[in-house]
């Protein structure tokens, strides 16, 4: 995963967690970054983003 894609994922993740963008914007930004799918595990406090080439990005957050 290149640095530009990771930066786009991180900024979307942070904006979503801060509540400054809505779900539709999250999806639009992730699709634009090339994310194929993502999974948020609230129990472990981890969001995993999947790219078509098989690479992933794991971002941790404080559990609610």
C-alpha atoms as a PDB file:
ATOM      1  CA  UNK A   1       0.000   0.000   0.000  1.00  0.00           C
ATOM      2  CA  UNK A   2       1.419   3.341  -0.956  1.00  0.00           C
ATOM      3  CA  UNK A   3       1.687   6.345   1.369  1.00  0.00           C
ATOM      4  CA  UNK A   4      -0.987   8.348  -0.486  1.00  0.00           C
ATOM      5  CA  UNK A   5      -3.583   5.599  -0.087  1.00  0.00           C
ATOM      6  CA  UNK A   6      -2.735   5.111   3.585  1.00  0.00           C
ATOM      7  CA  UNK A   7      -2.965   8.866   4.209  1.00  0.00           C
ATOM      8  CA  UNK A   8      -6.414   8.975   2.563  1.00  0.00           C
ATOM      9  CA  UNK A   9      -7.597   6.053   4.694  1.00  0.00           C
ATOM     10  CA  UNK A  10      -6.241   7.636   7.875  1.00  0.00           C
ATOM     11  CA  UNK A  11      -7.790  11.034   7.214  1.00  0.00           C
ATOM     12  CA  UNK A  12     -11.164   9.434   6.432  1.00  0.00           C
ATOM     13  CA  UNK A  13     -10.914   7.283   9.571  1.00  0.00           C
ATOM     14  CA  UNK A  14     -10.141  10.315  11.739  1.00  0.00           C
ATOM     15  CA  UNK A  15     -12.901  12.474  10.223  1.00  0.00           C
ATOM     16  CA  UNK A  16     -15.409   9.668  10.689  1.00  0.00           C
ATOM     17  CA  UNK A  17     -14.400   9.139  14.323  1.00  0.00           C
ATOM     18  CA  UNK A  18     -14.699  12.877  14.980  1.00  0.00           C
ATOM     19  CA  UNK A  19     -18.142  12.944  13.379  1.00  0.00           C
ATOM     20  CA  UNK A  20     -17.194  15.581  10.817  1.00  0.00           C
ATOM     21  CA  UNK A  21     -18.263  13.490   7.805  1.00  0.00           C
ATOM     22  CA  UNK A  22     -21.286  11.261   7.287  1.00  0.00           C
ATOM     23  CA  UNK A  23     -21.344   7.627   6.196  1.00  0.00           C
ATOM     24  CA  UNK A  24     -21.870   8.419   2.516  1.00  0.00           C
ATOM     25  CA  UNK A  25     -18.792  10.628   2.531  1.00  0.00           C
ATOM     26  CA  UNK A  26     -16.781   7.884   4.248  1.00  0.00           C
ATOM     27  CA  UNK A  27     -17.716   5.405   1.532  1.00  0.00           C
ATOM     28  CA  UNK A  28     -17.013   7.894  -1.261  1.00  0.00           C
ATOM     29  CA  UNK A  29     -13.581   8.775   0.085  1.00  0.00           C
ATOM     30  CA  UNK A  30     -12.617   5.144   0.676  1.00  0.00           C
ATOM     31  CA  UNK A  31     -13.725   4.123  -2.826  1.00  0.00           C
ATOM     32  CA  UNK A  32     -11.700   7.019  -4.254  1.00  0.00           C
ATOM     33  CA  UNK A  33      -8.679   5.778  -2.303  1.00  0.00           C
ATOM     34  CA  UNK A  34      -9.083   2.300  -3.814  1.00  0.00           C
ATOM     35  CA  UNK A  35     -10.458   0.539  -0.738  1.00  0.00           C
ATOM     36  CA  UNK A  36     -12.414  -2.563  -1.699  1.00  0.00           C
ATOM     37  CA  UNK A  37     -13.977  -3.198   1.715  1.00  0.00           C
ATOM     38  CA  UNK A  38     -13.466  -2.567   5.389  1.00  0.00           C
ATOM     39  CA  UNK A  39     -14.391  -4.096   8.714  1.00  0.00           C
ATOM     40  CA  UNK A  40     -14.764  -2.342  12.058  1.00  0.00           C
ATOM     41  CA  UNK A  41     -14.454  -4.493  15.175  1.00  0.00           C
ATOM     42  CA  UNK A  42     -15.765  -2.487  18.118  1.00  0.00           C
ATOM     43  CA  UNK A  43     -14.873  -5.231  20.553  1.00  0.00           C
ATOM     44  CA  UNK A  44     -11.151  -5.091  19.723  1.00  0.00           C
ATOM     45  CA  UNK A  45     -11.094  -1.408  18.743  1.00  0.00           C
ATOM     46  CA  UNK A  46      -9.660  -2.014  15.277  1.00  0.00           C
ATOM     47  CA  UNK A  47     -10.728  -1.031  11.768  1.00  0.00           C
ATOM     48  CA  UNK A  48      -9.248  -3.033   8.885  1.00  0.00           C
ATOM     49  CA  UNK A  49      -9.254  -1.681   5.324  1.00  0.00           C
ATOM     50  CA  UNK A  50      -8.789  -4.058   2.375  1.00  0.00           C
ATOM     51  CA  UNK A  51      -7.391  -3.211  -1.053  1.00  0.00           C
ATOM     52  CA  UNK A  52      -7.886  -5.289  -4.223  1.00  0.00           C
ATOM     53  CA  UNK A  53      -4.189  -6.297  -4.260  1.00  0.00           C
ATOM     54  CA  UNK A  54      -4.597  -8.053  -0.886  1.00  0.00           C
ATOM     55  CA  UNK A  55      -2.892  -5.398   1.214  1.00  0.00           C
ATOM     56  CA  UNK A  56      -4.566  -4.183   4.392  1.00  0.00           C
ATOM     57  CA  UNK A  57      -4.360  -1.283   6.803  1.00  0.00           C
ATOM     58  CA  UNK A  58      -5.263  -1.732  10.480  1.00  0.00           C
ATOM     59  CA  UNK A  59      -6.153   1.390  12.445  1.00  0.00           C
ATOM     60  CA  UNK A  60      -6.876   1.256  16.154  1.00  0.00           C
ATOM     61  CA  UNK A  61      -9.351   3.406  18.044  1.00  0.00           C
ATOM     62  CA  UNK A  62     -10.556   3.861  21.585  1.00  0.00           C
ATOM     63  CA  UNK A  63     -13.464   1.544  22.139  1.00  0.00           C
ATOM     64  CA  UNK A  64     -16.805   3.147  23.026  1.00  0.00           C
END
